[in-house]
Amino acid sequence: MSDIAIELKGIDKSFGAVHANKNINLSVRKGTIHGIIGENGAGKSTLMSILYGFYQADGGDVFVDGTRTVIRDPNAAIAAGIGMVHQHFMLVENFTVLENVMLGAEESQVLTAGITKARAELRRLEEEYELEVDADAIIEELPVGNQQRVEILKALYRGADILILDEPTGVLTPAEADHLFRILRQLKDQGKTIILITHKLREIMAITDEVSVMRRGEMVATRTTADTSVEELAELMVGRRVLLRVDKDEARPGDVLLAVEKLTVRDSRGVAMVKDVSFDVRAGEIVGIAGVAGNGQSELLEAVSGIRRAEKGRILLNGEPIDVAGRTDPAELRARGMAHVPEDRHHMGLVLAFEESENSILGYHTDPRYVSGAFLNIDGIRRDAAEKMESYDIRPRDVRLRTANFSGGNQQKIVLAREMERDPSVLVIGQPTRGVDVGAIEFIHKRIIEMRDAGKAVLLVSVELDEIRSLSDRVLVMFDGRIVGERSPDANEGELGLLMAGVTDSREAAA
């Protein structure tokens, strides 16, 4: 028996002119957590998709437990003991947990007997790996962290000894991420092998035993995690030294460009998610809103950007009111100087089936520069898109490529380029670096600071507390739909954490 769970030798894969994997060699030891990092577009997900059978390599071999294994599809991967938890969950939202776990792995033609057996096995797995979740809960009613547990349970139910997790914390709160790490350590202690794809270097340092670095389709280094550092890994990823902190001058706030007064917003269920919220954002400053996801930040951004109606309150854009109770057209707000980078780029920022150039003008397609008579000026649109791709380092440089085929970080840059290049007076931005690698994070942060220094008002929402503290000039903390405190970005992290948990008097908490 080999002590190597997975060995890849000479893996090569191209998509047309894009050489995604170039002669990749990788060994993953049994019973370890092995990290794979790299910039967006470095080839990490392609490599893991080959291992899981989504893609077929153009060349090279896969060895599982020392045996050369041909993995033609995910069923073959599952048969070889490999499971994968995808960045965007593969769950049927209106099915129960149990139904999702069973789906595709039904063993009995007598359905009730199969369900009884599956329920017992699911209960055993939950107890053994501390993955408790209600088997009869509907997926769409579960928090994201619990949905991820269901994905892990699905893989374990199918007998996986090797688990691939692709950007598993990209949609999790810090508390949910901490719980996931406890689960991964438990799985490792039970003898499972885990391959972790992530762009978050601090997570790599906290959870992995070894880490491999990819850059532009090549495997450039493998390190024992205890013998490396965040700085070395960042440099290996990008091929140059990376500034891991935000470099900015003092803000010089000017006039109020965005004012929110006593705003109350309900969600689609009629539940008040934003409750009597007031704040303002001035020219030349970044106001960050910190908080655990689900405390009203998303609904606040949607109301400010004209996507969601407010029940009451006022919003002033450049001193003029927005009709918050009616159907304010986001196009009207764009025309009045607001740009919006939504939290969920897939559902609200992009049409993934469209070409990159088509997404680069979404919402701005009536601009005269994109119109020729009664038709769109396709050549002009593509030239403009190519300029944005160059300016924002969007890879690959193909304006005709479907947006679904770009990595998450490059998709985010497409949205940022579209909104920032309009020269808005107010930029409303949610989760600017979600699922984005360290090199792109540095780039995006610089662009946001440049917007501030150019006199724009920036409203920033992020679940990454480090990001909020690094970028913001003022930090507002939301809990249960309310602003529970305003602090300097230099405030103690513990104090901000208490506010995020709803403790508004840290002295009382300390007592």
Protein backbone atom coordinates (compact mmCIF):
# COMPACT_ATOMS: atom_id res chain seq x y z
CA MET A 1 0.00 0.00 0.00
CA SER A 2 1.32 3.41 -0.96
CA ASP A 3 1.56 6.23 1.56
CA ILE A 4 0.70 8.59 -1.31
CA ALA A 5 -3.05 9.05 -1.75
CA ILE A 6 -2.89 10.96 -5.03
CA GLU A 7 -0.05 11.34 -7.51
CA LEU A 8 -0.34 13.32 -10.74
CA LYS A 9 2.41 12.91 -13.34
CA GLY A 10 2.82 15.16 -16.37
CA ILE A 11 -0.80 16.40 -16.45
CA ASP A 12 -1.36 18.64 -19.46
CA LYS A 13 -4.58 20.37 -20.54
CA SER A 14 -5.44 23.05 -23.10
CA PHE A 15 -8.66 24.80 -24.02
CA GLY A 16 -8.04 26.09 -27.51
CA ALA A 17 -5.23 28.62 -27.23
CA VAL A 18 -5.36 28.62 -23.41
CA HIS A 19 -2.79 26.21 -21.90
CA ALA A 20 -4.44 25.68 -18.51
CA ASN A 21 -2.15 22.94 -17.10
CA LYS A 22 1.45 22.49 -18.22
CA ASN A 23 3.14 19.19 -17.31
CA ILE A 24 1.86 19.20 -13.72
CA ASN A 25 3.39 16.86 -11.12
CA LEU A 26 1.82 16.60 -7.66
CA SER A 27 1.95 14.16 -4.75
CA VAL A 28 -0.50 14.25 -1.84
CA ARG A 29 0.25 12.12 1.23
CA LYS A 30 -2.46 10.07 2.90
CA GLY A 31 -4.11 11.49 6.00
CA THR A 32 -2.94 15.05 5.36
CA ILE A 33 -4.49 18.37 4.38
CA HIS A 34 -2.73 19.54 1.23
CA GLY A 35 -3.32 23.10 0.03
CA ILE A 36 -3.19 24.21 -3.60
CA ILE A 37 -2.92 27.95 -4.15
CA GLY A 38 -2.41 30.25 -7.08
CA GLU A 39 -3.81 33.33 -8.75
CA ASN A 40 -7.21 33.16 -10.40
CA GLY A 41 -6.65 31.48 -13.74
CA ALA A 42 -3.51 29.66 -12.54
CA GLY A 43 -5.10 26.30 -13.37
CA LYS A 44 -6.00 25.00 -9.88
CA SER A 45 -9.65 24.25 -10.56
CA THR A 46 -8.84 22.75 -13.97
CA LEU A 47 -6.36 20.37 -12.33
CA MET A 48 -8.89 19.28 -9.72
CA SER A 49 -11.59 18.94 -12.38
CA ILE A 50 -9.31 16.49 -14.18
CA LEU A 51 -8.81 14.56 -10.95
CA TYR A 52 -12.59 14.43 -10.42
CA GLY A 53 -13.36 13.48 -14.02
CA PHE A 54 -15.05 16.65 -15.25
CA TYR A 55 -12.25 17.13 -17.78
CA GLN A 56 -9.96 14.68 -19.52
CA ALA A 57 -6.26 15.53 -19.55
CA ASP A 58 -4.54 15.87 -22.92
CA GLY A 59 -1.55 14.07 -21.40
CA GLY A 60 -0.24 12.59 -18.18
CA ASP A 61 -1.34 10.00 -15.62
CA VAL A 62 -3.32 9.86 -12.37
CA PHE A 63 -2.37 7.44 -9.60
CA VAL A 64 -4.72 6.69 -6.70
CA ASP A 65 -3.18 4.79 -3.79
CA GLY A 66 -0.24 3.90 -6.04
CA THR A 67 -2.35 2.47 -8.85
CA ARG A 68 -2.65 4.14 -12.25
CA THR A 69 -6.34 5.10 -12.55
CA VAL A 70 -8.30 6.35 -15.55
CA ILE A 71 -10.96 8.79 -14.37
CA ARG A 72 -13.32 9.37 -17.27
CA ASP A 73 -16.16 10.98 -15.32
CA PRO A 74 -17.21 11.85 -11.74
CA ASN A 75 -18.69 8.37 -11.29
CA ALA A 76 -15.25 6.90 -11.89
CA ALA A 77 -13.76 9.38 -9.39
CA ILE A 78 -16.34 8.37 -6.77
CA ALA A 79 -15.60 4.71 -7.44
CA ALA A 80 -11.92 5.49 -6.81
CA GLY A 81 -12.80 7.05 -3.44
CA ILE A 82 -12.58 10.71 -4.52
CA GLY A 83 -15.26 13.26 -3.57
CA MET A 84 -15.46 16.95 -4.41
CA VAL A 85 -17.14 19.88 -2.66
CA HIS A 86 -17.56 22.63 -5.22
CA GLN A 87 -17.26 26.35 -4.67
CA HIS A 88 -20.84 26.75 -5.91
CA PHE A 89 -22.82 23.98 -4.29
CA MET A 90 -24.34 21.22 -6.44
CA LEU A 91 -27.54 20.84 -4.43
CA VAL A 92 -31.22 20.70 -5.42
CA GLU A 93 -32.55 23.60 -3.38
CA ASN A 94 -36.15 22.37 -2.98
CA PHE A 95 -35.06 18.85 -1.91
CA THR A 96 -34.41 17.83 1.67
CA VAL A 97 -30.94 17.12 3.05
CA LEU A 98 -31.60 13.37 2.94
CA GLU A 99 -32.88 13.52 -0.65
CA ASN A 100 -29.78 15.44 -1.76
CA VAL A 101 -27.45 12.99 -0.02
CA MET A 102 -29.20 10.02 -1.65
CA LEU A 103 -29.54 11.58 -5.11
CA GLY A 104 -27.65 9.47 -7.63
CA ALA A 105 -26.67 6.88 -5.01
CA GLU A 106 -30.00 5.12 -4.46
CA GLU A 107 -29.40 1.46 -3.67
CA SER A 108 -32.84 -0.08 -3.26
CA GLN A 109 -35.63 -0.39 -5.77
CA VAL A 110 -37.99 -0.32 -2.80
CA LEU A 111 -37.82 3.39 -2.09
CA THR A 112 -38.92 3.28 1.55
CA ALA A 113 -36.28 0.66 2.37
CA GLY A 114 -33.63 2.74 0.63
CA ILE A 115 -34.65 5.87 2.53
CA THR A 116 -34.54 4.07 5.88
CA LYS A 117 -31.06 2.71 5.17
CA ALA A 118 -29.83 6.10 3.92
CA ARG A 119 -31.21 7.90 6.98
CA ALA A 120 -29.37 5.53 9.31
CA GLU A 121 -26.10 5.93 7.39
CA LEU A 122 -26.49 9.72 7.32
CA ARG A 123 -27.02 9.75 11.09
CA ARG A 124 -23.86 7.65 11.56
CA LEU A 125 -21.79 10.00 9.41
CA GLU A 126 -23.13 13.08 11.20
CA GLU A 127 -22.15 11.67 14.57
CA GLU A 128 -18.75 10.32 13.50
CA TYR A 129 -17.60 13.52 11.79
CA GLU A 130 -19.54 16.12 13.83
CA LEU A 131 -21.53 17.22 10.79
CA GLU A 132 -24.93 17.57 12.43
CA VAL A 133 -27.70 18.80 10.15
CA ASP A 134 -31.46 18.16 10.07
CA ALA A 135 -32.00 15.36 7.52
CA ASP A 136 -35.52 16.61 6.73
CA ALA A 137 -34.63 20.30 6.31
CA ILE A 138 -35.15 21.87 2.87
CA ILE A 139 -31.80 22.97 1.40
CA GLU A 140 -32.89 26.49 0.46
CA GLU A 141 -33.94 27.11 4.08
CA LEU A 142 -30.51 26.20 5.49
CA PRO A 143 -27.71 28.69 6.13
CA VAL A 144 -24.77 28.45 3.74
CA GLY A 145 -22.52 26.76 6.30
CA ASN A 146 -25.01 23.92 6.74
CA GLN A 147 -25.43 23.56 2.98
CA GLN A 148 -21.68 23.00 2.76
CA ARG A 149 -21.94 20.28 5.42
CA VAL A 150 -24.50 18.56 3.19
CA GLU A 151 -21.99 18.60 0.30
CA ILE A 152 -19.36 16.99 2.56
CA LEU A 153 -21.89 14.42 3.78
CA LYS A 154 -22.78 13.60 0.16
CA ALA A 155 -19.14 12.78 -0.55
CA LEU A 156 -18.71 10.73 2.62
CA TYR A 157 -21.97 8.85 1.95
CA ARG A 158 -20.48 7.74 -1.37
CA GLY A 159 -17.40 6.38 0.40
CA ALA A 160 -14.88 9.13 -0.31
CA ASP A 161 -11.48 8.77 1.34
CA ILE A 162 -10.08 11.75 -0.58
CA LEU A 163 -11.98 15.04 -0.42
CA ILE A 164 -11.34 17.98 -2.77
CA LEU A 165 -12.67 21.32 -1.49
CA ASP A 166 -12.70 24.21 -3.97
CA GLU A 167 -12.62 27.63 -2.25
CA PRO A 168 -14.71 26.26 0.66
CA THR A 169 -14.74 29.46 2.74
CA GLY A 170 -15.61 31.85 -0.11
CA VAL A 171 -19.26 31.99 0.97
CA LEU A 172 -18.81 31.44 4.72
CA THR A 173 -18.75 33.85 7.64
CA PRO A 174 -15.61 33.78 9.84
CA ALA A 175 -17.46 31.70 12.45
CA GLU A 176 -18.64 29.22 9.80
CA ALA A 177 -15.11 29.00 8.41
CA ASP A 178 -13.73 28.22 11.87
CA HIS A 179 -16.30 25.44 12.24
CA LEU A 180 -15.38 24.05 8.81
CA PHE A 181 -11.72 23.88 9.87
CA ARG A 182 -12.69 21.90 12.95
CA ILE A 183 -14.55 19.49 10.68
CA LEU A 184 -11.55 19.16 8.35
CA ARG A 185 -9.23 18.41 11.26
CA GLN A 186 -11.71 15.78 12.46
CA LEU A 187 -11.79 14.23 8.97
CA LYS A 188 -7.99 14.19 8.88
CA ASP A 189 -7.87 12.54 12.31
CA GLN A 190 -10.20 9.85 10.93
CA GLY A 191 -7.68 9.12 8.16
CA LYS A 192 -9.23 11.11 5.31
CA THR A 193 -7.03 12.96 2.80
CA ILE A 194 -8.07 16.51 1.98
CA ILE A 195 -7.04 18.70 -0.94
CA LEU A 196 -7.89 22.33 -0.24
CA ILE A 197 -8.02 24.89 -3.05
CA THR A 198 -8.04 28.41 -1.65
CA HIS A 199 -6.65 31.88 -2.27
CA LYS A 200 -6.63 32.78 1.44
CA LEU A 201 -3.06 32.41 2.61
CA ARG A 202 -3.82 32.70 6.31
CA GLU A 203 -6.17 29.75 5.96
CA ILE A 204 -3.40 27.77 4.27
CA MET A 205 -1.08 28.54 7.17
CA ALA A 206 -3.73 27.62 9.74
CA ILE A 207 -5.04 24.32 8.38
CA THR A 208 -2.68 22.59 5.90
CA ASP A 209 0.28 20.25 6.32
CA GLU A 210 1.75 20.93 2.89
CA VAL A 211 1.02 23.49 0.19
CA SER A 212 1.65 23.50 -3.56
CA VAL A 213 1.79 26.73 -5.57
CA MET A 214 0.59 27.11 -9.17
CA ARG A 215 1.35 30.03 -11.45
CA ARG A 216 0.06 30.43 -15.01
CA GLY A 217 -0.66 26.74 -15.46
CA GLU A 218 2.55 25.42 -13.93
CA MET A 219 3.38 23.91 -10.54
CA VAL A 220 6.15 26.18 -9.28
CA ALA A 221 6.73 24.98 -5.70
CA THR A 222 5.65 22.68 -2.89
CA ARG A 223 6.38 23.60 0.71
CA THR A 224 5.87 22.10 4.14
CA THR A 225 3.49 24.64 5.63
CA ALA A 226 5.40 24.92 8.90
CA ASP A 227 8.53 25.91 6.96
CA THR A 228 7.05 28.70 4.83
CA SER A 229 5.33 32.07 5.35
CA VAL A 230 2.49 34.13 3.96
CA GLU A 231 5.01 36.45 2.32
CA GLU A 232 6.90 33.64 0.55
CA LEU A 233 3.69 32.00 -0.68
CA ALA A 234 2.34 35.30 -2.00
CA GLU A 235 5.56 35.93 -3.92
CA LEU A 236 5.52 32.39 -5.36
CA MET A 237 1.90 32.82 -6.46
CA VAL A 238 2.34 36.13 -8.23
CA GLY A 239 6.00 35.96 -9.29
CA ARG A 240 6.85 39.22 -7.51
CA ARG A 241 6.69 40.70 -4.06
CA VAL A 242 3.12 41.49 -3.03
CA LEU A 243 2.01 44.27 -0.72
CA LEU A 244 -0.10 42.45 1.87
CA ARG A 245 -1.32 45.64 3.52
CA VAL A 246 -3.24 48.54 2.03
CA ASP A 247 -1.03 51.58 1.47
CA LYS A 248 -3.08 54.77 1.67
CA ASP A 249 -2.86 58.39 2.76
CA GLU A 250 -5.18 60.11 5.21
CA ALA A 251 -8.65 60.74 3.81
CA ARG A 252 -9.76 64.29 3.03
CA PRO A 253 -13.56 64.06 3.25
CA GLY A 254 -15.62 66.63 1.40
CA ASP A 255 -19.35 67.10 0.88
CA VAL A 256 -21.88 64.40 1.69
CA LEU A 257 -22.63 62.56 -1.57
CA LEU A 258 -24.72 59.71 -0.14
CA ALA A 259 -27.05 60.11 2.84
CA VAL A 260 -29.26 57.40 4.33
CA GLU A 261 -31.89 58.56 6.83
CA LYS A 262 -34.00 56.29 9.06
CA LEU A 263 -34.17 53.55 6.43
CA THR A 264 -36.24 50.41 7.02
CA VAL A 265 -36.18 47.56 4.50
CA ARG A 266 -37.97 44.19 4.49
CA ASP A 267 -36.88 41.05 2.69
CA SER A 268 -39.02 38.89 0.38
CA ARG A 269 -40.56 37.18 3.42
CA GLY A 270 -41.70 40.49 4.88
CA VAL A 271 -39.10 40.39 7.68
CA ALA A 272 -37.49 43.73 8.57
CA MET A 273 -33.79 43.29 7.76
CA VAL A 274 -32.78 46.97 7.91
CA LYS A 275 -34.20 48.85 10.87
CA ASP A 276 -34.13 52.64 11.12
CA VAL A 277 -30.60 52.94 9.72
CA SER A 278 -28.95 56.33 9.20
CA PHE A 279 -25.44 57.26 7.99
CA ASP A 280 -23.70 59.30 5.33
CA VAL A 281 -20.71 58.94 3.02
CA ARG A 282 -18.64 61.94 1.98
CA ALA A 283 -16.60 62.64 -1.10
CA GLY A 284 -13.07 61.33 -0.65
CA GLU A 285 -13.81 58.72 2.01
CA ILE A 286 -14.56 55.02 2.32
CA VAL A 287 -17.22 54.00 4.82
CA GLY A 288 -17.08 50.29 5.59
CA ILE A 289 -19.95 48.27 7.01
CA ALA A 290 -18.80 45.32 9.08
CA GLY A 291 -20.98 42.52 10.34
CA VAL A 292 -21.68 38.82 10.17
CA ALA A 293 -23.51 37.94 6.96
CA GLY A 294 -27.29 37.99 7.29
CA ASN A 295 -27.56 41.05 9.52
CA GLY A 296 -29.09 43.31 6.87
CA GLN A 297 -26.05 44.39 4.88
CA SER A 298 -27.27 42.79 1.64
CA GLU A 299 -30.73 44.34 1.88
CA LEU A 300 -29.19 47.73 2.67
CA LEU A 301 -27.01 47.62 -0.45
CA GLU A 302 -29.97 46.54 -2.58
CA ALA A 303 -32.09 49.43 -1.29
CA VAL A 304 -29.31 51.99 -1.79
CA SER A 305 -28.66 50.77 -5.34
CA GLY A 306 -32.36 50.81 -6.31
CA ILE A 307 -32.84 47.05 -6.53
CA ARG A 308 -35.09 46.66 -3.48
CA ARG A 309 -37.90 48.90 -2.19
CA ALA A 310 -37.64 50.43 1.26
CA GLU A 311 -40.59 50.53 3.62
CA LYS A 312 -39.70 53.95 4.94
CA GLY A 313 -36.84 56.41 5.23
CA ARG A 314 -34.88 58.57 2.79
CA ILE A 315 -31.81 58.22 0.60
CA LEU A 316 -30.13 61.28 -0.90
CA LEU A 317 -27.75 60.90 -3.84
CA ASN A 318 -25.67 64.01 -4.52
CA GLY A 319 -28.19 65.95 -2.42
CA GLU A 320 -31.23 64.79 -4.39
CA PRO A 321 -33.75 62.25 -3.00
CA ILE A 322 -34.21 58.76 -4.37
CA ASP A 323 -37.75 57.36 -4.57
CA VAL A 324 -37.03 54.51 -2.13
CA ALA A 325 -40.66 53.42 -1.74
CA GLY A 326 -41.36 53.20 -5.47
CA ARG A 327 -39.60 51.23 -8.15
CA THR A 328 -36.46 53.26 -8.47
CA ASP A 329 -34.77 52.22 -11.69
CA PRO A 330 -31.09 51.34 -11.11
CA ALA A 331 -30.44 52.78 -14.58
CA GLU A 332 -31.67 56.16 -13.30
CA LEU A 333 -29.23 55.96 -10.39
CA ARG A 334 -26.39 55.11 -12.77
CA ALA A 335 -27.28 58.16 -14.81
CA ARG A 336 -27.19 60.23 -11.60
CA GLY A 337 -23.67 59.12 -10.73
CA MET A 338 -23.95 55.87 -8.75
CA ALA A 339 -22.10 52.69 -9.64
CA HIS A 340 -22.88 49.38 -7.97
CA VAL A 341 -20.70 46.28 -7.63
CA PRO A 342 -23.12 43.65 -6.25
CA GLU A 343 -22.19 41.06 -3.65
CA ASP A 344 -23.16 38.13 -5.88
CA ARG A 345 -21.46 38.59 -9.24
CA HIS A 346 -23.05 35.44 -10.72
CA HIS A 347 -26.68 36.29 -10.00
CA MET A 348 -26.59 40.09 -10.08
CA GLY A 349 -23.40 41.25 -11.76
CA LEU A 350 -22.99 39.12 -14.86
CA VAL A 351 -24.81 37.03 -17.44
CA LEU A 352 -22.48 34.06 -17.53
CA ALA A 353 -23.65 32.88 -20.95
CA PHE A 354 -22.71 36.25 -22.50
CA GLU A 355 -19.33 37.09 -23.99
CA GLU A 356 -16.95 39.18 -21.92
CA SER A 357 -17.52 42.22 -24.15
CA GLU A 358 -21.29 41.96 -23.69
CA ASN A 359 -20.93 41.86 -19.90
CA SER A 360 -18.55 44.81 -20.03
CA ILE A 361 -21.45 47.11 -21.05
CA LEU A 362 -24.35 45.61 -19.06
CA GLY A 363 -26.51 48.47 -17.81
CA TYR A 364 -24.64 50.97 -19.99
CA HIS A 365 -25.61 49.60 -23.39
CA THR A 366 -27.56 52.75 -24.36
CA ASP A 367 -24.43 54.90 -24.01
CA PRO A 368 -23.79 56.66 -27.36
CA ARG A 369 -20.29 55.23 -27.56
CA TYR A 370 -21.79 51.73 -27.79
CA VAL A 371 -24.55 52.57 -30.30
CA SER A 372 -24.45 52.99 -34.07
CA GLY A 373 -27.82 54.16 -35.35
CA ALA A 374 -30.45 51.65 -34.27
CA PHE A 375 -27.88 48.96 -33.53
CA LEU A 376 -25.09 48.26 -31.10
CA ASN A 377 -21.61 49.19 -32.28
CA ILE A 378 -20.11 45.72 -31.82
CA ASP A 379 -16.61 46.66 -32.96
CA GLY A 380 -16.58 49.66 -30.63
CA ILE A 381 -17.85 47.56 -27.73
CA ARG A 382 -15.12 44.97 -28.27
CA ARG A 383 -12.40 47.63 -28.51
CA ASP A 384 -13.64 49.19 -25.28
CA ALA A 385 -13.74 45.76 -23.61
CA ALA A 386 -10.19 45.00 -24.75
CA GLU A 387 -8.97 48.28 -23.21
CA LYS A 388 -10.65 47.41 -19.90
CA MET A 389 -9.16 43.92 -19.97
CA GLU A 390 -5.70 45.41 -20.39
CA SER A 391 -6.21 48.07 -17.73
CA TYR A 392 -7.63 45.62 -15.17
CA ASP A 393 -5.38 42.68 -16.10
CA ILE A 394 -8.33 40.42 -16.97
CA ARG A 395 -7.15 37.04 -18.21
CA PRO A 396 -7.33 35.52 -20.76
CA ARG A 397 -7.44 38.57 -23.06
CA ASP A 398 -10.35 37.30 -25.12
CA VAL A 399 -13.37 39.61 -25.42
CA ARG A 400 -15.29 36.85 -27.25
CA LEU A 401 -14.89 34.29 -24.45
CA ARG A 402 -18.06 33.37 -22.54
CA THR A 403 -17.90 34.92 -19.09
CA ALA A 404 -18.62 31.56 -17.45
CA ASN A 405 -15.19 30.41 -18.66
CA PHE A 406 -13.27 33.07 -16.70
CA SER A 407 -12.05 32.36 -13.18
CA GLY A 408 -13.95 33.94 -10.28
CA GLY A 409 -11.36 36.64 -9.74
CA ASN A 410 -11.36 37.64 -13.40
CA GLN A 411 -15.17 37.68 -13.41
CA GLN A 412 -14.98 40.10 -10.47
CA LYS A 413 -12.57 42.32 -12.40
CA ILE A 414 -15.00 42.42 -15.33
CA VAL A 415 -17.68 43.85 -13.00
CA LEU A 416 -15.26 46.27 -11.33
CA ALA A 417 -13.95 47.55 -14.67
CA ARG A 418 -17.47 48.12 -15.98
CA GLU A 419 -18.55 50.11 -12.90
CA MET A 420 -15.37 51.97 -11.96
CA GLU A 421 -14.56 53.13 -15.48
CA ARG A 422 -17.82 55.08 -15.62
CA ASP A 423 -16.29 57.67 -13.28
CA PRO A 424 -19.19 57.63 -10.77
CA SER A 425 -19.47 60.07 -7.88
CA VAL A 426 -20.67 57.28 -5.55
CA LEU A 427 -19.44 53.69 -5.62
CA VAL A 428 -21.48 51.09 -3.72
CA ILE A 429 -19.51 47.87 -3.50
CA GLY A 430 -20.28 44.54 -1.83
CA GLN A 431 -17.71 41.81 -1.10
CA PRO A 432 -15.12 43.26 -3.53
CA THR A 433 -12.63 40.40 -3.18
CA ARG A 434 -14.84 37.37 -2.51
CA GLY A 435 -13.17 34.35 -4.14
CA VAL A 436 -10.26 36.48 -5.39
CA ASP A 437 -6.55 35.62 -5.12
CA VAL A 438 -3.89 37.65 -3.33
CA GLY A 439 -2.51 39.37 -6.42
CA ALA A 440 -5.97 40.44 -7.58
CA ILE A 441 -6.86 41.55 -4.05
CA GLU A 442 -3.89 43.91 -4.05
CA PHE A 443 -4.98 45.27 -7.45
CA ILE A 444 -8.65 45.72 -6.43
CA HIS A 445 -7.73 47.43 -3.16
CA LYS A 446 -5.50 49.89 -5.02
CA ARG A 447 -8.33 50.73 -7.41
CA ILE A 448 -10.76 51.36 -4.55
CA ILE A 449 -8.26 53.66 -2.85
CA GLU A 450 -7.71 55.47 -6.17
CA MET A 451 -11.47 56.06 -6.38
CA ARG A 452 -11.46 57.55 -2.89
CA ASP A 453 -8.45 59.74 -3.65
CA ALA A 454 -10.20 60.98 -6.81
CA GLY A 455 -12.96 62.39 -4.59
CA LYS A 456 -15.51 59.59 -4.89
CA ALA A 457 -17.71 58.46 -2.01
CA VAL A 458 -17.30 54.72 -1.44
CA LEU A 459 -19.72 52.56 0.57
CA LEU A 460 -18.09 49.19 1.22
CA VAL A 461 -19.62 46.00 2.63
CA SER A 462 -17.42 42.99 3.34
CA VAL A 463 -17.53 39.99 5.66
CA GLU A 464 -13.72 40.14 5.74
CA LEU A 465 -12.99 42.22 8.84
CA ASP A 466 -9.35 42.68 7.82
CA GLU A 467 -10.51 44.14 4.51
CA ILE A 468 -12.93 46.52 6.21
CA ARG A 469 -10.26 47.73 8.61
CA SER A 470 -7.61 48.09 5.88
CA LEU A 471 -9.72 50.05 3.39
CA SER A 472 -12.17 52.07 5.46
CA ASP A 473 -11.81 55.55 6.87
CA ARG A 474 -14.83 54.95 9.12
CA VAL A 475 -16.30 51.60 10.17
CA LEU A 476 -19.99 51.09 10.87
CA VAL A 477 -21.03 47.80 12.47
CA MET A 478 -24.39 46.20 11.70
CA PHE A 479 -26.15 43.71 13.94
CA ASP A 480 -29.73 42.52 13.56
CA GLY A 481 -30.48 45.18 10.97
CA ARG A 482 -29.21 48.15 12.98
CA ILE A 483 -26.05 50.23 13.09
CA VAL A 484 -24.80 49.36 16.57
CA GLY A 485 -21.59 51.37 16.52
CA GLU A 486 -19.17 53.54 14.58
CA ARG A 487 -15.45 53.08 15.08
CA SER A 488 -12.11 54.06 13.63
CA PRO A 489 -10.52 51.36 11.46
CA ASP A 490 -7.73 51.30 14.07
CA ALA A 491 -10.20 50.06 16.69
CA ASN A 492 -9.34 46.87 18.52
CA GLU A 493 -10.40 43.79 16.56
CA GLY A 494 -11.91 42.30 19.70
CA GLU A 495 -14.07 45.38 20.23
CA LEU A 496 -15.32 45.22 16.64
CA GLY A 497 -15.99 41.51 17.07
CA LEU A 498 -18.12 42.18 20.15
CA LEU A 499 -20.13 44.79 18.26
CA MET A 500 -20.63 42.30 15.41
CA ALA A 501 -22.04 39.89 18.01
CA GLY A 502 -24.44 42.55 19.30
CA VAL A 503 -22.49 43.49 22.45
CA THR A 504 -22.65 47.25 22.38
CA ASP A 505 -20.84 47.96 25.62
CA SER A 506 -17.47 46.24 25.66
CA ARG A 507 -16.86 47.36 29.24
CA GLU A 508 -19.91 45.41 30.37
CA ALA A 509 -18.72 42.40 28.38
CA ALA A 510 -15.31 42.56 30.02
CA ALA A 511 -16.91 42.79 33.45
